Amino acid sequence: MLDKLEFLIALARERHFRRAAERCGVSQPTLSAGIKQLEETLGAALVNRGARYIGLTPEGERVLEWARRLTGDARTMRQEVQVLKRGVSGVLRLAAIPTALPVAARLCDAFTQRHPEVRVTVLSSSSKAILTMLEDFEIDAGVTYLDNEPLPNATTLPLYRERCDRRPSAPVLGSADARGDRRLRPGGWRRPGPGDVDGGAEAGGLRLR
């Protein structure tokens, strides 16, 4: 049933049967048949059908929540079994907002030094897209701002604070920190330095080398 749940997740994300099939690496008839079989198994219509994709039914929305949870748990189970067999290995999928890419690089370097059998992929994306990918289990972690962005199913860890240096000649810029402090202040923008990142990481139990 997991493959059919993956079909439903892809359809909800793409909102188009052909694109969802391409995302899953199957033909469109295979995807449509799989979702139909899922509906028959559960005894409820999950998709509002018309000439084109319209959306999910209320039952479909509820099943989608379970689908994300179940496929995520199944993926975690397989990873944990592999860890017990041969140590930490595989692919770690990380997404970061563009301004946090230097921080993501430091985190990845520290992680791969400790786990050399893990290959890390880093994707530059917007804050909103990162949250969507986390919800859809398309990435394992993200580096982004946390203010006004609820993450009910994720563990969050503030890494560092971005702040402004007060300089009379500098323009007025916004400052933001990882804990949601985003205000307008006079001053020049200061990128996080190694001490900022190391301090935030170590506060969460991580040590960067």
N, C-alpha and C. Protein backbone atom coordinates (compact mmCIF):
# COMPACT_ATOMS: atom_id res chain seq x y z
N MET A 1 0.82 -1.21 0.00
CA MET A 1 0.00 0.00 0.00
C MET A 1 0.86 1.27 0.00
N LEU A 2 2.11 1.15 0.46
CA LEU A 2 2.95 2.34 0.56
C LEU A 2 3.14 3.03 -0.79
N ASP A 3 3.30 2.24 -1.85
CA ASP A 3 3.50 2.85 -3.17
C ASP A 3 2.27 3.64 -3.59
N LYS A 4 1.09 3.15 -3.23
CA LYS A 4 -0.14 3.87 -3.59
C LYS A 4 -0.28 5.14 -2.76
N LEU A 5 0.18 5.10 -1.52
CA LEU A 5 0.19 6.32 -0.71
C LEU A 5 1.15 7.35 -1.29
N GLU A 6 2.27 6.87 -1.82
CA GLU A 6 3.22 7.78 -2.49
C GLU A 6 2.55 8.42 -3.71
N PHE A 7 1.73 7.66 -4.42
CA PHE A 7 1.01 8.21 -5.57
C PHE A 7 0.11 9.36 -5.13
N LEU A 8 -0.60 9.16 -4.02
CA LEU A 8 -1.52 10.18 -3.53
C LEU A 8 -0.76 11.44 -3.11
N ILE A 9 0.37 11.27 -2.45
CA ILE A 9 1.18 12.41 -2.02
C ILE A 9 1.65 13.21 -3.24
N ALA A 10 2.12 12.49 -4.25
CA ALA A 10 2.59 13.16 -5.46
C ALA A 10 1.47 13.90 -6.18
N LEU A 11 0.28 13.30 -6.23
CA LEU A 11 -0.85 13.94 -6.89
C LEU A 11 -1.27 15.21 -6.15
N ALA A 12 -1.28 15.15 -4.82
CA ALA A 12 -1.65 16.33 -4.04
C ALA A 12 -0.64 17.46 -4.23
N ARG A 13 0.61 17.10 -4.42
CA ARG A 13 1.64 18.13 -4.59
C ARG A 13 1.63 18.71 -6.00
N GLU A 14 1.54 17.85 -7.00
CA GLU A 14 1.61 18.31 -8.39
C GLU A 14 0.28 18.84 -8.92
N ARG A 15 -0.83 18.34 -8.33
CA ARG A 15 -2.18 18.73 -8.77
C ARG A 15 -2.38 18.46 -10.25
N HIS A 16 -1.77 17.40 -10.72
CA HIS A 16 -1.86 17.04 -12.14
C HIS A 16 -1.44 15.58 -12.27
N PHE A 17 -2.29 14.76 -12.90
CA PHE A 17 -2.03 13.32 -12.95
C PHE A 17 -0.75 12.99 -13.71
N ARG A 18 -0.53 13.64 -14.86
CA ARG A 18 0.66 13.31 -15.64
C ARG A 18 1.94 13.68 -14.89
N ARG A 19 1.97 14.89 -14.32
CA ARG A 19 3.17 15.32 -13.60
C ARG A 19 3.41 14.46 -12.36
N ALA A 20 2.32 14.07 -11.71
CA ALA A 20 2.46 13.20 -10.53
C ALA A 20 3.04 11.85 -10.94
N ALA A 21 2.60 11.33 -12.08
CA ALA A 21 3.13 10.04 -12.55
C ALA A 21 4.61 10.16 -12.88
N GLU A 22 4.98 11.25 -13.54
CA GLU A 22 6.39 11.46 -13.86
C GLU A 22 7.23 11.57 -12.58
N ARG A 23 6.68 12.21 -11.57
CA ARG A 23 7.41 12.36 -10.30
C ARG A 23 7.64 11.00 -9.64
N CYS A 24 6.68 10.10 -9.80
CA CYS A 24 6.79 8.77 -9.20
C CYS A 24 7.51 7.77 -10.11
N GLY A 25 7.81 8.17 -11.34
CA GLY A 25 8.49 7.28 -12.26
C GLY A 25 7.63 6.17 -12.81
N VAL A 26 6.32 6.43 -12.95
CA VAL A 26 5.39 5.44 -13.49
C VAL A 26 4.57 6.10 -14.59
N SER A 27 3.79 5.28 -15.29
CA SER A 27 2.91 5.84 -16.31
C SER A 27 1.66 6.42 -15.65
N GLN A 28 0.98 7.30 -16.38
CA GLN A 28 -0.23 7.91 -15.82
C GLN A 28 -1.31 6.87 -15.54
N PRO A 29 -1.55 5.89 -16.43
CA PRO A 29 -2.55 4.86 -16.12
C PRO A 29 -2.20 4.07 -14.86
N THR A 30 -0.89 3.81 -14.64
CA THR A 30 -0.48 3.08 -13.43
C THR A 30 -0.80 3.89 -12.18
N LEU A 31 -0.51 5.18 -12.22
CA LEU A 31 -0.81 6.03 -11.06
C LEU A 31 -2.31 6.11 -10.81
N SER A 32 -3.08 6.30 -11.86
CA SER A 32 -4.54 6.40 -11.70
C SER A 32 -5.11 5.11 -11.15
N ALA A 33 -4.62 3.98 -11.66
CA ALA A 33 -5.11 2.68 -11.18
C ALA A 33 -4.72 2.45 -9.73
N GLY A 34 -3.52 2.88 -9.36
CA GLY A 34 -3.08 2.71 -7.98
C GLY A 34 -3.94 3.50 -7.01
N ILE A 35 -4.26 4.74 -7.35
CA ILE A 35 -5.12 5.55 -6.49
C ILE A 35 -6.53 4.98 -6.43
N LYS A 36 -7.01 4.46 -7.55
CA LYS A 36 -8.33 3.82 -7.57
C LYS A 36 -8.34 2.60 -6.65
N GLN A 37 -7.29 1.81 -6.67
CA GLN A 37 -7.20 0.65 -5.79
C GLN A 37 -7.16 1.08 -4.32
N LEU A 38 -6.47 2.19 -4.04
CA LEU A 38 -6.42 2.71 -2.68
C LEU A 38 -7.82 3.13 -2.22
N GLU A 39 -8.57 3.76 -3.11
CA GLU A 39 -9.94 4.14 -2.78
C GLU A 39 -10.81 2.92 -2.51
N GLU A 40 -10.64 1.88 -3.30
CA GLU A 40 -11.42 0.66 -3.10
C GLU A 40 -11.05 -0.02 -1.78
N THR A 41 -9.77 0.00 -1.45
CA THR A 41 -9.33 -0.61 -0.19
C THR A 41 -9.91 0.12 1.01
N LEU A 42 -9.93 1.45 0.94
CA LEU A 42 -10.41 2.26 2.06
C LEU A 42 -11.92 2.48 2.03
N GLY A 43 -12.54 2.16 0.90
CA GLY A 43 -13.98 2.30 0.80
C GLY A 43 -14.46 3.74 0.77
N ALA A 44 -13.67 4.62 0.18
CA ALA A 44 -14.04 6.03 0.11
C ALA A 44 -13.36 6.68 -1.08
N ALA A 45 -14.05 7.65 -1.67
CA ALA A 45 -13.45 8.43 -2.76
C ALA A 45 -12.45 9.41 -2.16
N LEU A 46 -11.25 9.44 -2.72
CA LEU A 46 -10.20 10.31 -2.21
C LEU A 46 -9.94 11.52 -3.10
N VAL A 47 -10.29 11.38 -4.38
CA VAL A 47 -9.99 12.43 -5.36
C VAL A 47 -11.27 12.88 -6.03
N ASN A 48 -11.45 14.20 -6.11
CA ASN A 48 -12.56 14.76 -6.90
C ASN A 48 -12.15 14.74 -8.36
N ARG A 49 -12.83 13.96 -9.14
CA ARG A 49 -12.46 13.78 -10.54
C ARG A 49 -13.38 14.57 -11.45
N GLY A 50 -12.79 15.07 -12.52
CA GLY A 50 -13.53 15.75 -13.57
C GLY A 50 -12.74 15.59 -14.85
N ALA A 51 -12.83 16.58 -15.73
CA ALA A 51 -12.02 16.55 -16.94
C ALA A 51 -10.54 16.62 -16.59
N ARG A 52 -10.24 17.24 -15.44
CA ARG A 52 -8.87 17.33 -14.93
C ARG A 52 -8.92 17.22 -13.42
N TYR A 53 -7.74 17.21 -12.80
CA TYR A 53 -7.67 17.11 -11.34
C TYR A 53 -8.33 18.33 -10.70
N ILE A 54 -9.24 18.10 -9.76
CA ILE A 54 -9.94 19.17 -9.07
C ILE A 54 -9.39 19.36 -7.67
N GLY A 55 -9.16 18.26 -6.97
CA GLY A 55 -8.66 18.34 -5.60
C GLY A 55 -9.01 17.06 -4.86
N LEU A 56 -8.66 17.01 -3.60
CA LEU A 56 -8.96 15.85 -2.77
C LEU A 56 -10.27 16.06 -2.04
N THR A 57 -10.96 14.97 -1.78
CA THR A 57 -12.15 15.01 -0.96
C THR A 57 -11.74 15.19 0.50
N PRO A 58 -12.68 15.47 1.40
CA PRO A 58 -12.32 15.53 2.82
C PRO A 58 -11.66 14.24 3.31
N GLU A 59 -12.16 13.11 2.81
CA GLU A 59 -11.53 11.83 3.16
C GLU A 59 -10.12 11.75 2.60
N GLY A 60 -9.95 12.29 1.39
CA GLY A 60 -8.63 12.28 0.77
C GLY A 60 -7.64 13.13 1.54
N GLU A 61 -8.09 14.27 2.05
CA GLU A 61 -7.20 15.13 2.84
C GLU A 61 -6.74 14.41 4.11
N ARG A 62 -7.66 13.69 4.76
CA ARG A 62 -7.28 12.97 5.96
C ARG A 62 -6.31 11.83 5.64
N VAL A 63 -6.59 11.12 4.55
CA VAL A 63 -5.68 10.03 4.15
C VAL A 63 -4.31 10.59 3.78
N LEU A 64 -4.29 11.79 3.18
CA LEU A 64 -3.02 12.41 2.82
C LEU A 64 -2.16 12.65 4.06
N GLU A 65 -2.76 13.08 5.15
CA GLU A 65 -2.02 13.29 6.40
C GLU A 65 -1.40 11.97 6.86
N TRP A 66 -2.19 10.91 6.84
CA TRP A 66 -1.67 9.60 7.23
C TRP A 66 -0.62 9.09 6.25
N ALA A 67 -0.81 9.38 4.97
CA ALA A 67 0.14 8.91 3.96
C ALA A 67 1.51 9.51 4.20
N ARG A 68 1.56 10.81 4.48
CA ARG A 68 2.84 11.46 4.76
C ARG A 68 3.50 10.86 5.99
N ARG A 69 2.69 10.61 7.01
CA ARG A 69 3.24 10.05 8.25
C ARG A 69 3.74 8.62 8.04
N LEU A 70 2.96 7.81 7.37
CA LEU A 70 3.31 6.40 7.19
C LEU A 70 4.53 6.22 6.28
N THR A 71 4.55 6.97 5.17
CA THR A 71 5.70 6.83 4.27
C THR A 71 6.96 7.36 4.92
N GLY A 72 6.83 8.43 5.72
CA GLY A 72 7.99 8.94 6.45
C GLY A 72 8.50 7.93 7.47
N ASP A 73 7.59 7.30 8.21
CA ASP A 73 7.98 6.29 9.19
C ASP A 73 8.63 5.09 8.51
N ALA A 74 8.09 4.68 7.37
CA ALA A 74 8.66 3.54 6.65
C ALA A 74 10.07 3.85 6.17
N ARG A 75 10.28 5.07 5.70
CA ARG A 75 11.61 5.48 5.25
C ARG A 75 12.59 5.49 6.43
N THR A 76 12.13 5.99 7.57
CA THR A 76 12.99 6.02 8.76
C THR A 76 13.32 4.61 9.23
N MET A 77 12.35 3.72 9.18
CA MET A 77 12.59 2.34 9.57
C MET A 77 13.66 1.69 8.70
N ARG A 78 13.57 1.89 7.39
CA ARG A 78 14.58 1.31 6.50
C ARG A 78 15.96 1.87 6.79
N GLN A 79 16.02 3.17 7.06
CA GLN A 79 17.31 3.80 7.36
C GLN A 79 17.90 3.25 8.65
N GLU A 80 17.07 3.07 9.68
CA GLU A 80 17.58 2.58 10.95
C GLU A 80 18.08 1.14 10.82
N VAL A 81 17.41 0.34 10.02
CA VAL A 81 17.87 -1.03 9.79
C VAL A 81 19.23 -1.02 9.11
N GLN A 82 19.41 -0.14 8.12
CA GLN A 82 20.69 -0.05 7.43
C GLN A 82 21.80 0.43 8.36
N VAL A 83 21.45 1.35 9.29
CA VAL A 83 22.44 1.83 10.25
C VAL A 83 22.92 0.68 11.13
N LEU A 84 22.00 -0.17 11.58
CA LEU A 84 22.38 -1.31 12.41
C LEU A 84 23.24 -2.30 11.65
N LYS A 85 23.01 -2.41 10.35
CA LYS A 85 23.76 -3.38 9.54
C LYS A 85 25.16 -2.89 9.23
N ARG A 86 25.32 -1.63 8.81
CA ARG A 86 26.63 -1.19 8.35
C ARG A 86 26.97 0.26 8.74
N GLY A 87 26.32 0.77 9.79
CA GLY A 87 26.61 2.13 10.21
C GLY A 87 25.82 3.15 9.41
N VAL A 88 26.03 4.41 9.75
CA VAL A 88 25.28 5.48 9.09
C VAL A 88 25.76 5.62 7.65
N SER A 89 24.82 5.53 6.72
CA SER A 89 25.14 5.66 5.29
C SER A 89 23.90 6.17 4.57
N GLY A 90 24.05 6.41 3.29
CA GLY A 90 22.92 6.86 2.49
C GLY A 90 23.06 8.32 2.08
N VAL A 91 21.91 8.98 1.93
CA VAL A 91 21.88 10.36 1.45
C VAL A 91 21.13 11.22 2.47
N LEU A 92 21.73 12.32 2.85
CA LEU A 92 21.08 13.31 3.72
C LEU A 92 20.67 14.48 2.83
N ARG A 93 19.38 14.77 2.81
CA ARG A 93 18.84 15.82 1.95
C ARG A 93 18.60 17.07 2.79
N LEU A 94 19.34 18.11 2.48
CA LEU A 94 19.26 19.36 3.24
C LEU A 94 18.90 20.51 2.31
N ALA A 95 18.02 21.38 2.77
CA ALA A 95 17.67 22.59 2.02
C ALA A 95 17.95 23.79 2.90
N ALA A 96 18.38 24.90 2.28
CA ALA A 96 18.70 26.10 3.03
C ALA A 96 18.32 27.33 2.23
N ILE A 97 17.93 28.38 2.94
CA ILE A 97 17.70 29.64 2.26
C ILE A 97 19.05 30.17 1.77
N PRO A 98 19.09 30.96 0.70
CA PRO A 98 20.37 31.37 0.11
C PRO A 98 21.33 32.01 1.10
N THR A 99 20.84 32.85 2.01
CA THR A 99 21.75 33.52 2.94
C THR A 99 22.35 32.58 3.97
N ALA A 100 21.77 31.38 4.11
CA ALA A 100 22.27 30.41 5.10
C ALA A 100 23.12 29.32 4.46
N LEU A 101 23.40 29.42 3.17
CA LEU A 101 24.20 28.38 2.51
C LEU A 101 25.60 28.22 3.12
N PRO A 102 26.29 29.32 3.51
CA PRO A 102 27.59 29.13 4.17
C PRO A 102 27.48 28.34 5.47
N VAL A 103 26.41 28.57 6.21
CA VAL A 103 26.18 27.82 7.44
C VAL A 103 25.91 26.35 7.13
N ALA A 104 25.10 26.11 6.10
CA ALA A 104 24.80 24.74 5.71
C ALA A 104 26.07 23.99 5.32
N ALA A 105 26.98 24.68 4.65
CA ALA A 105 28.24 24.04 4.26
C ALA A 105 29.04 23.62 5.49
N ARG A 106 29.08 24.46 6.52
CA ARG A 106 29.80 24.11 7.74
C ARG A 106 29.16 22.92 8.44
N LEU A 107 27.84 22.91 8.49
CA LEU A 107 27.14 21.79 9.11
C LEU A 107 27.41 20.49 8.35
N CYS A 108 27.39 20.56 7.02
CA CYS A 108 27.62 19.36 6.21
C CYS A 108 29.05 18.85 6.37
N ASP A 109 30.01 19.76 6.41
CA ASP A 109 31.40 19.34 6.59
C ASP A 109 31.58 18.59 7.90
N ALA A 110 31.00 19.14 8.97
CA ALA A 110 31.12 18.49 10.28
C ALA A 110 30.45 17.12 10.27
N PHE A 111 29.29 17.04 9.63
CA PHE A 111 28.54 15.77 9.62
C PHE A 111 29.26 14.71 8.81
N THR A 112 29.77 15.07 7.62
CA THR A 112 30.42 14.06 6.77
C THR A 112 31.77 13.61 7.33
N GLN A 113 32.41 14.47 8.11
CA GLN A 113 33.64 14.03 8.76
C GLN A 113 33.36 12.94 9.77
N ARG A 114 32.22 13.05 10.43
CA ARG A 114 31.83 12.05 11.42
C ARG A 114 31.22 10.82 10.76
N HIS A 115 30.53 11.02 9.64
CA HIS A 115 29.86 9.91 8.95
C HIS A 115 30.28 9.92 7.47
N PRO A 116 31.45 9.42 7.17
CA PRO A 116 31.97 9.51 5.79
C PRO A 116 31.18 8.72 4.76
N GLU A 117 30.35 7.78 5.20
CA GLU A 117 29.58 6.99 4.24
C GLU A 117 28.28 7.67 3.82
N VAL A 118 28.03 8.86 4.35
CA VAL A 118 26.81 9.59 4.02
C VAL A 118 27.11 10.64 2.95
N ARG A 119 26.31 10.66 1.93
CA ARG A 119 26.41 11.68 0.89
C ARG A 119 25.36 12.75 1.16
N VAL A 120 25.77 14.00 1.20
CA VAL A 120 24.87 15.11 1.53
C VAL A 120 24.55 15.91 0.27
N THR A 121 23.28 16.16 0.06
CA THR A 121 22.86 17.03 -1.03
C THR A 121 22.24 18.28 -0.41
N VAL A 122 22.63 19.45 -0.94
CA VAL A 122 22.14 20.72 -0.41
C VAL A 122 21.39 21.46 -1.51
N LEU A 123 20.18 21.87 -1.20
CA LEU A 123 19.34 22.58 -2.16
C LEU A 123 19.09 24.00 -1.65
N SER A 124 19.31 24.99 -2.49
CA SER A 124 18.99 26.37 -2.15
C SER A 124 17.53 26.64 -2.49
N SER A 125 16.77 27.08 -1.51
CA SER A 125 15.34 27.27 -1.74
C SER A 125 14.80 28.36 -0.83
N SER A 126 13.56 28.74 -1.06
CA SER A 126 12.91 29.76 -0.24
C SER A 126 12.43 29.13 1.06
N SER A 127 12.16 29.99 2.04
CA SER A 127 11.68 29.52 3.33
C SER A 127 10.37 28.74 3.19
N LYS A 128 9.46 29.27 2.39
CA LYS A 128 8.17 28.61 2.21
C LYS A 128 8.33 27.26 1.55
N ALA A 129 9.20 27.17 0.55
CA ALA A 129 9.41 25.89 -0.14
C ALA A 129 10.05 24.87 0.79
N ILE A 130 10.94 25.33 1.67
CA ILE A 130 11.59 24.41 2.61
C ILE A 130 10.54 23.80 3.54
N LEU A 131 9.61 24.60 4.03
CA LEU A 131 8.57 24.08 4.90
C LEU A 131 7.70 23.06 4.18
N THR A 132 7.38 23.35 2.92
CA THR A 132 6.57 22.42 2.14
C THR A 132 7.30 21.10 1.94
N MET A 133 8.59 21.16 1.62
CA MET A 133 9.36 19.95 1.41
C MET A 133 9.51 19.13 2.69
N LEU A 134 9.61 19.82 3.83
CA LEU A 134 9.65 19.10 5.11
C LEU A 134 8.34 18.36 5.36
N GLU A 135 7.22 19.04 5.09
CA GLU A 135 5.92 18.42 5.30
C GLU A 135 5.72 17.22 4.39
N ASP A 136 6.27 17.29 3.17
CA ASP A 136 6.12 16.20 2.21
C ASP A 136 7.24 15.16 2.32
N PHE A 137 8.13 15.32 3.32
CA PHE A 137 9.24 14.39 3.54
C PHE A 137 10.16 14.31 2.32
N GLU A 138 10.28 15.43 1.59
CA GLU A 138 11.18 15.45 0.44
C GLU A 138 12.60 15.83 0.85
N ILE A 139 12.77 16.40 2.03
CA ILE A 139 14.09 16.69 2.58
C ILE A 139 14.12 16.19 4.01
N ASP A 140 15.33 16.02 4.54
CA ASP A 140 15.48 15.54 5.91
C ASP A 140 15.62 16.68 6.90
N ALA A 141 16.13 17.82 6.46
CA ALA A 141 16.32 18.96 7.34
C ALA A 141 16.38 20.23 6.52
N GLY A 142 16.17 21.36 7.19
CA GLY A 142 16.22 22.64 6.50
C GLY A 142 16.84 23.70 7.40
N VAL A 143 17.49 24.67 6.78
CA VAL A 143 18.05 25.82 7.50
C VAL A 143 17.29 27.04 7.01
N THR A 144 16.48 27.63 7.88
CA THR A 144 15.62 28.73 7.47
C THR A 144 15.23 29.54 8.69
N TYR A 145 14.52 30.66 8.48
CA TYR A 145 13.99 31.44 9.58
C TYR A 145 12.81 30.70 10.20
N LEU A 146 12.60 30.92 11.49
CA LEU A 146 11.52 30.24 12.19
C LEU A 146 10.37 31.16 12.54
N ASP A 147 10.55 32.46 12.41
CA ASP A 147 9.48 33.38 12.81
C ASP A 147 8.29 33.27 11.87
N ASN A 148 7.11 33.20 12.47
CA ASN A 148 5.84 33.12 11.73
C ASN A 148 5.75 31.90 10.83
N GLU A 149 6.53 30.88 11.10
CA GLU A 149 6.51 29.66 10.28
C GLU A 149 6.33 28.46 11.20
N PRO A 150 5.09 28.09 11.55
CA PRO A 150 4.88 26.97 12.46
C PRO A 150 5.36 25.65 11.86
N LEU A 151 6.04 24.86 12.67
CA LEU A 151 6.54 23.55 12.23
C LEU A 151 6.04 22.50 13.22
N PRO A 152 4.78 22.08 13.10
CA PRO A 152 4.21 21.18 14.11
C PRO A 152 4.84 19.80 14.14
N ASN A 153 5.37 19.33 13.02
CA ASN A 153 5.89 17.96 12.97
C ASN A 153 7.40 17.92 12.82
N ALA A 154 8.07 18.97 13.23
CA ALA A 154 9.52 19.04 13.07
C ALA A 154 10.16 19.51 14.37
N THR A 155 11.39 19.07 14.57
CA THR A 155 12.18 19.53 15.71
C THR A 155 13.01 20.73 15.26
N THR A 156 12.95 21.82 15.99
CA THR A 156 13.66 23.04 15.59
C THR A 156 14.80 23.33 16.56
N LEU A 157 15.86 23.92 16.02
CA LEU A 157 17.04 24.27 16.81
C LEU A 157 17.61 25.59 16.30
N PRO A 158 17.54 26.67 17.08
CA PRO A 158 18.17 27.93 16.68
C PRO A 158 19.69 27.74 16.56
N LEU A 159 20.26 28.13 15.43
CA LEU A 159 21.69 27.96 15.19
C LEU A 159 22.50 29.23 15.44
N TYR A 160 21.97 30.36 15.01
CA TYR A 160 22.70 31.61 15.18
C TYR A 160 21.74 32.78 15.01
N ARG A 161 22.23 33.97 15.36
CA ARG A 161 21.43 35.19 15.22
C ARG A 161 22.11 36.14 14.24
N GLU A 162 21.34 36.63 13.29
CA GLU A 162 21.83 37.67 12.39
C GLU A 162 21.50 39.02 13.00
N ARG A 163 22.46 39.92 13.04
CA ARG A 163 22.22 41.22 13.64
C ARG A 163 22.92 42.33 12.86
N CYS A 164 22.61 43.55 13.22
CA CYS A 164 23.17 44.72 12.54
C CYS A 164 24.22 45.38 13.40
N ASP A 165 25.30 45.83 12.79
CA ASP A 165 26.27 46.68 13.45
C ASP A 165 25.82 48.12 13.28
N ARG A 166 25.78 48.87 14.36
CA ARG A 166 25.30 50.25 14.28
C ARG A 166 26.37 51.14 13.65
N ARG A 167 26.06 51.64 12.49
CA ARG A 167 26.98 52.55 11.79
C ARG A 167 26.16 53.71 11.25
N PRO A 168 26.49 54.93 11.62
CA PRO A 168 25.66 56.08 11.21
C PRO A 168 25.50 56.20 9.70
N SER A 169 26.54 55.82 8.95
CA SER A 169 26.49 56.02 7.51
C SER A 169 25.76 54.90 6.78
N ALA A 170 25.41 53.84 7.49
CA ALA A 170 24.80 52.68 6.83
C ALA A 170 23.31 52.91 6.64
N PRO A 171 22.72 52.30 5.62
CA PRO A 171 21.27 52.43 5.40
C PRO A 171 20.48 51.65 6.44
N VAL A 172 19.17 51.86 6.46
CA VAL A 172 18.30 51.13 7.37
C VAL A 172 17.99 49.78 6.75
N LEU A 173 18.34 48.73 7.47
CA LEU A 173 18.12 47.38 6.98
C LEU A 173 17.39 46.58 8.04
N GLY A 174 16.75 45.50 7.61
CA GLY A 174 16.08 44.62 8.55
C GLY A 174 17.05 43.63 9.13
N SER A 175 16.85 43.26 10.36
CA SER A 175 17.66 42.23 10.98
C SER A 175 16.74 41.09 11.38
N ALA A 176 17.29 39.91 11.40
CA ALA A 176 16.48 38.75 11.76
C ALA A 176 17.34 37.77 12.50
N ASP A 177 16.74 37.02 13.39
CA ASP A 177 17.48 35.95 14.04
C ASP A 177 16.70 34.66 13.90
N ALA A 178 17.37 33.54 14.21
CA ALA A 178 16.77 32.23 14.00
C ALA A 178 15.61 31.98 14.95
N ARG A 179 15.45 32.81 15.99
CA ARG A 179 14.36 32.60 16.92
C ARG A 179 13.16 33.48 16.61
N GLY A 180 13.21 34.20 15.51
CA GLY A 180 12.04 34.95 15.09
C GLY A 180 12.09 36.43 15.38
N ASP A 181 13.23 37.01 15.76
CA ASP A 181 13.34 38.44 16.04
C ASP A 181 13.65 39.17 14.74
N ARG A 182 12.65 39.72 14.11
CA ARG A 182 12.85 40.40 12.83
C ARG A 182 12.34 41.83 12.96
N ARG A 183 13.27 42.81 13.02
CA ARG A 183 12.91 44.21 13.23
C ARG A 183 13.71 45.09 12.27
N LEU A 184 13.26 46.32 12.11
CA LEU A 184 14.01 47.30 11.33
C LEU A 184 14.89 48.10 12.28
N ARG A 185 16.17 48.14 11.99
CA ARG A 185 17.11 48.89 12.81
C ARG A 185 18.10 49.60 11.90
N PRO A 186 18.65 50.75 12.34
CA PRO A 186 19.72 51.38 11.57
C PRO A 186 21.00 50.59 11.74
N GLY A 187 21.72 50.41 10.67
CA GLY A 187 22.99 49.70 10.80
C GLY A 187 23.30 48.89 9.57
N GLY A 188 24.51 48.35 9.55
CA GLY A 188 24.93 47.54 8.42
C GLY A 188 24.71 46.07 8.71
N TRP A 189 24.40 45.30 7.69
CA TRP A 189 24.13 43.87 7.85
C TRP A 189 25.42 43.11 8.11
N ARG A 190 25.39 42.24 9.13
CA ARG A 190 26.57 41.44 9.45
C ARG A 190 26.25 39.98 9.28
N ARG A 191 26.97 39.30 8.40
CA ARG A 191 26.75 37.88 8.21
C ARG A 191 27.24 37.11 9.43
N PRO A 192 26.64 35.94 9.72
CA PRO A 192 27.07 35.17 10.88
C PRO A 192 28.50 34.68 10.71
N GLY A 193 29.29 34.83 11.74
CA GLY A 193 30.67 34.34 11.71
C GLY A 193 30.75 32.95 12.31
N PRO A 194 31.92 32.33 12.24
CA PRO A 194 32.08 30.97 12.78
C PRO A 194 31.69 30.88 14.24
N GLY A 195 32.02 31.90 15.04
CA GLY A 195 31.67 31.85 16.46
C GLY A 195 30.17 31.83 16.68
N ASP A 196 29.42 32.58 15.84
CA ASP A 196 27.97 32.60 15.97
C ASP A 196 27.38 31.23 15.69
N VAL A 197 27.84 30.62 14.61
CA VAL A 197 27.30 29.32 14.20
C VAL A 197 27.70 28.24 15.19
N ASP A 198 28.96 28.24 15.60
CA ASP A 198 29.42 27.22 16.54
C ASP A 198 28.66 27.31 17.86
N GLY A 199 28.44 28.55 18.32
CA GLY A 199 27.76 28.70 19.59
C GLY A 199 26.34 28.18 19.55
N GLY A 200 25.62 28.51 18.45
CA GLY A 200 24.25 28.02 18.34
C GLY A 200 24.19 26.52 18.21
N ALA A 201 25.11 25.95 17.44
CA ALA A 201 25.12 24.51 17.26
C ALA A 201 25.43 23.79 18.56
N GLU A 202 26.43 24.29 19.29
CA GLU A 202 26.82 23.63 20.53
C GLU A 202 25.73 23.75 21.58
N ALA A 203 24.95 24.82 21.53
CA ALA A 203 23.84 24.95 22.46
C ALA A 203 22.80 23.86 22.24
N GLY A 204 22.73 23.37 21.02
CA GLY A 204 21.81 22.29 20.71
C GLY A 204 22.43 20.92 20.77
N GLY A 205 23.65 20.81 21.27
CA GLY A 205 24.29 19.50 21.41
C GLY A 205 25.15 19.12 20.24
N LEU A 206 25.44 20.05 19.30
CA LEU A 206 26.25 19.76 18.15
C LEU A 206 27.61 20.43 18.32
N ARG A 207 28.66 19.82 17.84
CA ARG A 207 29.97 20.43 17.88
C ARG A 207 30.54 20.43 16.46
N LEU A 208 30.83 21.61 15.95
CA LEU A 208 31.39 21.74 14.61
C LEU A 208 32.90 21.79 14.69
N ARG A 209 33.55 21.03 13.84
CA ARG A 209 35.02 20.97 13.83
C ARG A 209 35.53 21.40 12.47
